[in-house]
Amino acid sequence: MFKSFKNMEFSKRLLLFVQGLIIALFILTTVATFKGYVDALVALITGVFSLASIAFGFYFWKAKAENIRKYTRKLSQEDIEKVAAAYAAIFKEVEDNEGI
C-alpha cells in the first residue's frame, strides 16, 4: 500500500522533511509563546516557511512537467493544437481585461 521510505522518490522525501519541520516549528512556537521567547522565532518562522514554499513549488512544478510529458504522448497533434488554441484564447482574454 505505502512505499517504504528507502524506495520513496527524493522529492517526496523532501516534502516529508519540510512538513516535519513545519510541525516541529509549530510545537516550538507554542512552547516559546508560553515561555515568552518570541523574539528569535520571527527569523525561524520566516526561514522555515520560505523553505516550505520553495519545496512545495518545486514539487508541483515537477509534477506538472511529468504530467505534460505523459499526456502529450497520449494526445494526437490535433488535440494538442486544440488545447494550445484554448490556452491562447484564455491568455488573450486576460490581457484584454488587464486595462480594467
N, C-alpha and C. Protein backbone atom coordinates (compact mmCIF):
# COMPACT_ATOMS: atom_id res chain seq x y z
N MET A 1 0.83 -1.19 0.00
CA MET A 1 0.00 0.00 0.00
C MET A 1 0.87 1.26 0.00
N PHE A 2 1.70 1.44 1.02
CA PHE A 2 2.60 2.58 1.07
C PHE A 2 4.01 2.13 0.72
N LYS A 3 4.73 2.98 0.01
CA LYS A 3 6.12 2.68 -0.30
C LYS A 3 6.95 2.84 0.96
N SER A 4 7.99 2.06 1.07
CA SER A 4 8.89 2.27 2.20
C SER A 4 9.69 3.55 1.96
N PHE A 5 10.26 4.07 3.02
CA PHE A 5 10.98 5.34 2.92
C PHE A 5 12.19 5.23 2.00
N LYS A 6 12.84 4.06 1.96
CA LYS A 6 14.02 3.88 1.10
C LYS A 6 13.64 3.93 -0.38
N ASN A 7 12.48 3.41 -0.72
CA ASN A 7 12.07 3.36 -2.12
C ASN A 7 11.36 4.63 -2.57
N MET A 8 11.15 5.56 -1.65
CA MET A 8 10.42 6.78 -1.97
C MET A 8 11.30 7.72 -2.80
N GLU A 9 10.67 8.46 -3.71
CA GLU A 9 11.40 9.42 -4.53
C GLU A 9 11.94 10.56 -3.67
N PHE A 10 13.02 11.18 -4.16
CA PHE A 10 13.66 12.24 -3.39
C PHE A 10 12.72 13.41 -3.15
N SER A 11 11.92 13.77 -4.14
CA SER A 11 11.05 14.93 -3.97
C SER A 11 10.00 14.67 -2.90
N LYS A 12 9.52 13.45 -2.79
CA LYS A 12 8.55 13.13 -1.74
C LYS A 12 9.22 13.10 -0.37
N ARG A 13 10.45 12.63 -0.32
CA ARG A 13 11.20 12.68 0.94
C ARG A 13 11.41 14.12 1.38
N LEU A 14 11.72 14.97 0.42
CA LEU A 14 11.92 16.39 0.72
C LEU A 14 10.65 17.01 1.28
N LEU A 15 9.50 16.69 0.70
CA LEU A 15 8.24 17.22 1.20
C LEU A 15 7.95 16.71 2.61
N LEU A 16 8.21 15.45 2.87
CA LEU A 16 8.00 14.92 4.22
C LEU A 16 8.91 15.61 5.24
N PHE A 17 10.15 15.86 4.85
CA PHE A 17 11.08 16.56 5.73
C PHE A 17 10.59 17.98 6.04
N VAL A 18 10.14 18.68 5.02
CA VAL A 18 9.65 20.05 5.21
C VAL A 18 8.39 20.05 6.07
N GLN A 19 7.50 19.09 5.85
CA GLN A 19 6.31 19.00 6.68
C GLN A 19 6.68 18.71 8.13
N GLY A 20 7.69 17.89 8.34
CA GLY A 20 8.18 17.65 9.70
C GLY A 20 8.73 18.91 10.34
N LEU A 21 9.46 19.71 9.54
CA LEU A 21 9.96 20.99 10.05
C LEU A 21 8.82 21.92 10.44
N ILE A 22 7.77 21.95 9.65
CA ILE A 22 6.65 22.82 9.96
C ILE A 22 5.96 22.38 11.25
N ILE A 23 5.80 21.07 11.43
CA ILE A 23 5.18 20.57 12.67
C ILE A 23 6.07 20.88 13.87
N ALA A 24 7.38 20.67 13.72
CA ALA A 24 8.31 20.99 14.81
C ALA A 24 8.29 22.47 15.12
N LEU A 25 8.21 23.30 14.10
CA LEU A 25 8.14 24.75 14.31
C LEU A 25 6.86 25.14 15.04
N PHE A 26 5.77 24.49 14.71
CA PHE A 26 4.51 24.77 15.40
C PHE A 26 4.63 24.44 16.89
N ILE A 27 5.21 23.29 17.20
CA ILE A 27 5.38 22.91 18.60
C ILE A 27 6.33 23.87 19.31
N LEU A 28 7.44 24.21 18.65
CA LEU A 28 8.40 25.14 19.23
C LEU A 28 7.78 26.52 19.45
N THR A 29 6.99 26.97 18.51
CA THR A 29 6.33 28.27 18.65
C THR A 29 5.35 28.27 19.81
N THR A 30 4.61 27.19 19.96
CA THR A 30 3.65 27.10 21.06
C THR A 30 4.38 27.14 22.41
N VAL A 31 5.45 26.38 22.54
CA VAL A 31 6.21 26.35 23.79
C VAL A 31 6.85 27.71 24.05
N ALA A 32 7.46 28.30 23.03
CA ALA A 32 8.15 29.58 23.20
C ALA A 32 7.18 30.70 23.52
N THR A 33 5.97 30.63 23.00
CA THR A 33 4.98 31.67 23.29
C THR A 33 4.60 31.63 24.77
N PHE A 34 4.43 30.44 25.30
CA PHE A 34 4.07 30.34 26.72
C PHE A 34 5.23 30.72 27.64
N LYS A 35 6.47 30.52 27.18
CA LYS A 35 7.63 30.89 28.00
C LYS A 35 8.06 32.33 27.78
N GLY A 36 7.58 32.97 26.73
CA GLY A 36 7.90 34.37 26.48
C GLY A 36 9.10 34.60 25.57
N TYR A 37 9.60 33.57 24.89
CA TYR A 37 10.74 33.72 23.98
C TYR A 37 10.23 33.83 22.55
N VAL A 38 9.79 34.98 22.16
CA VAL A 38 9.23 35.10 20.81
C VAL A 38 10.11 35.92 19.86
N ASP A 39 11.17 36.53 20.36
CA ASP A 39 11.99 37.38 19.50
C ASP A 39 12.72 36.59 18.41
N ALA A 40 13.31 35.48 18.77
CA ALA A 40 14.09 34.70 17.80
C ALA A 40 13.19 33.91 16.84
N LEU A 41 11.94 33.74 17.21
CA LEU A 41 11.05 32.94 16.37
C LEU A 41 10.68 33.62 15.07
N VAL A 42 10.79 34.92 15.00
CA VAL A 42 10.42 35.64 13.78
C VAL A 42 11.29 35.17 12.61
N ALA A 43 12.59 35.11 12.83
CA ALA A 43 13.50 34.66 11.77
C ALA A 43 13.31 33.18 11.48
N LEU A 44 13.08 32.40 12.51
CA LEU A 44 12.89 30.96 12.32
C LEU A 44 11.63 30.66 11.53
N ILE A 45 10.55 31.32 11.87
CA ILE A 45 9.29 31.10 11.16
C ILE A 45 9.42 31.51 9.70
N THR A 46 10.03 32.65 9.45
CA THR A 46 10.22 33.12 8.08
C THR A 46 11.07 32.15 7.28
N GLY A 47 12.14 31.67 7.88
CA GLY A 47 13.03 30.74 7.19
C GLY A 47 12.36 29.42 6.85
N VAL A 48 11.63 28.86 7.80
CA VAL A 48 11.00 27.57 7.56
C VAL A 48 9.90 27.68 6.52
N PHE A 49 9.10 28.73 6.59
CA PHE A 49 8.02 28.84 5.62
C PHE A 49 8.52 29.23 4.23
N SER A 50 9.64 29.94 4.14
CA SER A 50 10.20 30.19 2.80
C SER A 50 10.76 28.89 2.22
N LEU A 51 11.39 28.07 3.06
CA LEU A 51 11.85 26.76 2.61
C LEU A 51 10.67 25.90 2.17
N ALA A 52 9.58 25.94 2.92
CA ALA A 52 8.41 25.15 2.56
C ALA A 52 7.83 25.60 1.23
N SER A 53 7.76 26.90 1.01
CA SER A 53 7.19 27.38 -0.26
C SER A 53 8.07 26.97 -1.44
N ILE A 54 9.38 27.00 -1.26
CA ILE A 54 10.28 26.57 -2.33
C ILE A 54 10.12 25.08 -2.59
N ALA A 55 10.06 24.28 -1.54
CA ALA A 55 9.95 22.83 -1.70
C ALA A 55 8.63 22.44 -2.35
N PHE A 56 7.53 23.03 -1.89
CA PHE A 56 6.23 22.70 -2.48
C PHE A 56 6.14 23.22 -3.92
N GLY A 57 6.70 24.40 -4.18
CA GLY A 57 6.72 24.92 -5.54
C GLY A 57 7.49 24.01 -6.48
N PHE A 58 8.65 23.53 -6.02
CA PHE A 58 9.44 22.60 -6.82
C PHE A 58 8.66 21.33 -7.09
N TYR A 59 8.00 20.79 -6.08
CA TYR A 59 7.28 19.53 -6.23
C TYR A 59 6.14 19.68 -7.23
N PHE A 60 5.37 20.77 -7.13
CA PHE A 60 4.26 20.97 -8.05
C PHE A 60 4.75 21.24 -9.46
N TRP A 61 5.86 21.97 -9.60
CA TRP A 61 6.44 22.21 -10.92
C TRP A 61 6.88 20.89 -11.55
N LYS A 62 7.51 20.03 -10.75
CA LYS A 62 7.96 18.73 -11.24
C LYS A 62 6.78 17.86 -11.66
N ALA A 63 5.73 17.86 -10.85
CA ALA A 63 4.54 17.06 -11.17
C ALA A 63 3.88 17.58 -12.44
N LYS A 64 3.84 18.90 -12.60
CA LYS A 64 3.26 19.48 -13.81
C LYS A 64 4.05 19.06 -15.05
N ALA A 65 5.37 19.13 -14.95
CA ALA A 65 6.21 18.74 -16.09
C ALA A 65 6.03 17.26 -16.43
N GLU A 66 5.93 16.42 -15.40
CA GLU A 66 5.72 14.99 -15.66
C GLU A 66 4.36 14.73 -16.30
N ASN A 67 3.34 15.43 -15.84
CA ASN A 67 2.01 15.25 -16.42
C ASN A 67 1.95 15.74 -17.86
N ILE A 68 2.60 16.86 -18.14
CA ILE A 68 2.62 17.37 -19.52
C ILE A 68 3.30 16.36 -20.43
N ARG A 69 4.42 15.83 -19.97
CA ARG A 69 5.15 14.84 -20.77
C ARG A 69 4.30 13.58 -20.98
N LYS A 70 3.61 13.15 -19.93
CA LYS A 70 2.81 11.93 -20.02
C LYS A 70 1.62 12.12 -20.96
N TYR A 71 0.93 13.25 -20.86
CA TYR A 71 -0.28 13.43 -21.66
C TYR A 71 0.02 13.84 -23.10
N THR A 72 1.16 14.46 -23.36
CA THR A 72 1.48 14.78 -24.76
C THR A 72 1.80 13.52 -25.55
N ARG A 73 2.24 12.49 -24.88
CA ARG A 73 2.46 11.21 -25.58
C ARG A 73 1.14 10.57 -25.98
N LYS A 74 0.10 10.79 -25.17
CA LYS A 74 -1.20 10.15 -25.41
C LYS A 74 -2.06 10.94 -26.38
N LEU A 75 -1.85 12.26 -26.47
CA LEU A 75 -2.69 13.10 -27.31
C LEU A 75 -2.19 13.12 -28.74
N SER A 76 -3.13 13.28 -29.66
CA SER A 76 -2.74 13.44 -31.06
C SER A 76 -2.32 14.89 -31.29
N GLN A 77 -1.71 15.15 -32.42
CA GLN A 77 -1.28 16.51 -32.74
C GLN A 77 -2.48 17.44 -32.83
N GLU A 78 -3.59 16.94 -33.33
CA GLU A 78 -4.81 17.75 -33.45
C GLU A 78 -5.33 18.17 -32.06
N ASP A 79 -5.29 17.25 -31.11
CA ASP A 79 -5.73 17.56 -29.75
C ASP A 79 -4.81 18.59 -29.10
N ILE A 80 -3.51 18.46 -29.34
CA ILE A 80 -2.55 19.41 -28.78
C ILE A 80 -2.81 20.81 -29.33
N GLU A 81 -3.11 20.91 -30.62
CA GLU A 81 -3.40 22.22 -31.21
C GLU A 81 -4.68 22.82 -30.63
N LYS A 82 -5.69 21.99 -30.34
CA LYS A 82 -6.92 22.50 -29.73
C LYS A 82 -6.65 23.05 -28.33
N VAL A 83 -5.85 22.34 -27.55
CA VAL A 83 -5.51 22.79 -26.20
C VAL A 83 -4.71 24.08 -26.26
N ALA A 84 -3.76 24.16 -27.19
CA ALA A 84 -2.95 25.37 -27.34
C ALA A 84 -3.81 26.55 -27.74
N ALA A 85 -4.79 26.34 -28.62
CA ALA A 85 -5.69 27.42 -29.02
C ALA A 85 -6.56 27.87 -27.85
N ALA A 86 -7.00 26.93 -27.03
CA ALA A 86 -7.81 27.28 -25.86
C ALA A 86 -7.01 28.11 -24.87
N TYR A 87 -5.75 27.71 -24.62
CA TYR A 87 -4.90 28.49 -23.72
C TYR A 87 -4.61 29.87 -24.29
N ALA A 88 -4.40 29.96 -25.59
CA ALA A 88 -4.14 31.26 -26.22
C ALA A 88 -5.34 32.17 -26.05
N ALA A 89 -6.55 31.62 -26.19
CA ALA A 89 -7.76 32.43 -26.02
C ALA A 89 -7.89 32.90 -24.58
N ILE A 90 -7.55 32.05 -23.62
CA ILE A 90 -7.63 32.44 -22.21
C ILE A 90 -6.65 33.56 -21.92
N PHE A 91 -5.40 33.42 -22.38
CA PHE A 91 -4.40 34.45 -22.13
C PHE A 91 -4.73 35.75 -22.83
N LYS A 92 -5.32 35.67 -24.02
CA LYS A 92 -5.73 36.89 -24.73
C LYS A 92 -6.82 37.60 -23.95
N GLU A 93 -7.76 36.84 -23.39
CA GLU A 93 -8.83 37.42 -22.59
C GLU A 93 -8.28 38.09 -21.34
N VAL A 94 -7.30 37.47 -20.71
CA VAL A 94 -6.69 38.05 -19.52
C VAL A 94 -5.96 39.33 -19.86
N GLU A 95 -5.22 39.34 -20.97
CA GLU A 95 -4.51 40.55 -21.39
C GLU A 95 -5.48 41.67 -21.72
N ASP A 96 -6.62 41.35 -22.33
CA ASP A 96 -7.60 42.37 -22.66
C ASP A 96 -8.23 42.97 -21.41
N ASN A 97 -8.37 42.18 -20.35
CA ASN A 97 -9.00 42.65 -19.12
C ASN A 97 -8.04 43.34 -18.17
N GLU A 98 -6.75 43.36 -18.47
CA GLU A 98 -5.78 43.99 -17.58
C GLU A 98 -5.96 45.50 -17.52
N GLY A 99 -6.51 46.10 -18.53
CA GLY A 99 -6.69 47.54 -18.54
C GLY A 99 -7.85 48.02 -17.68
N ILE A 100 -8.66 47.09 -17.20
CA ILE A 100 -9.84 47.46 -16.42
C ILE A 100 -9.45 47.85 -15.02
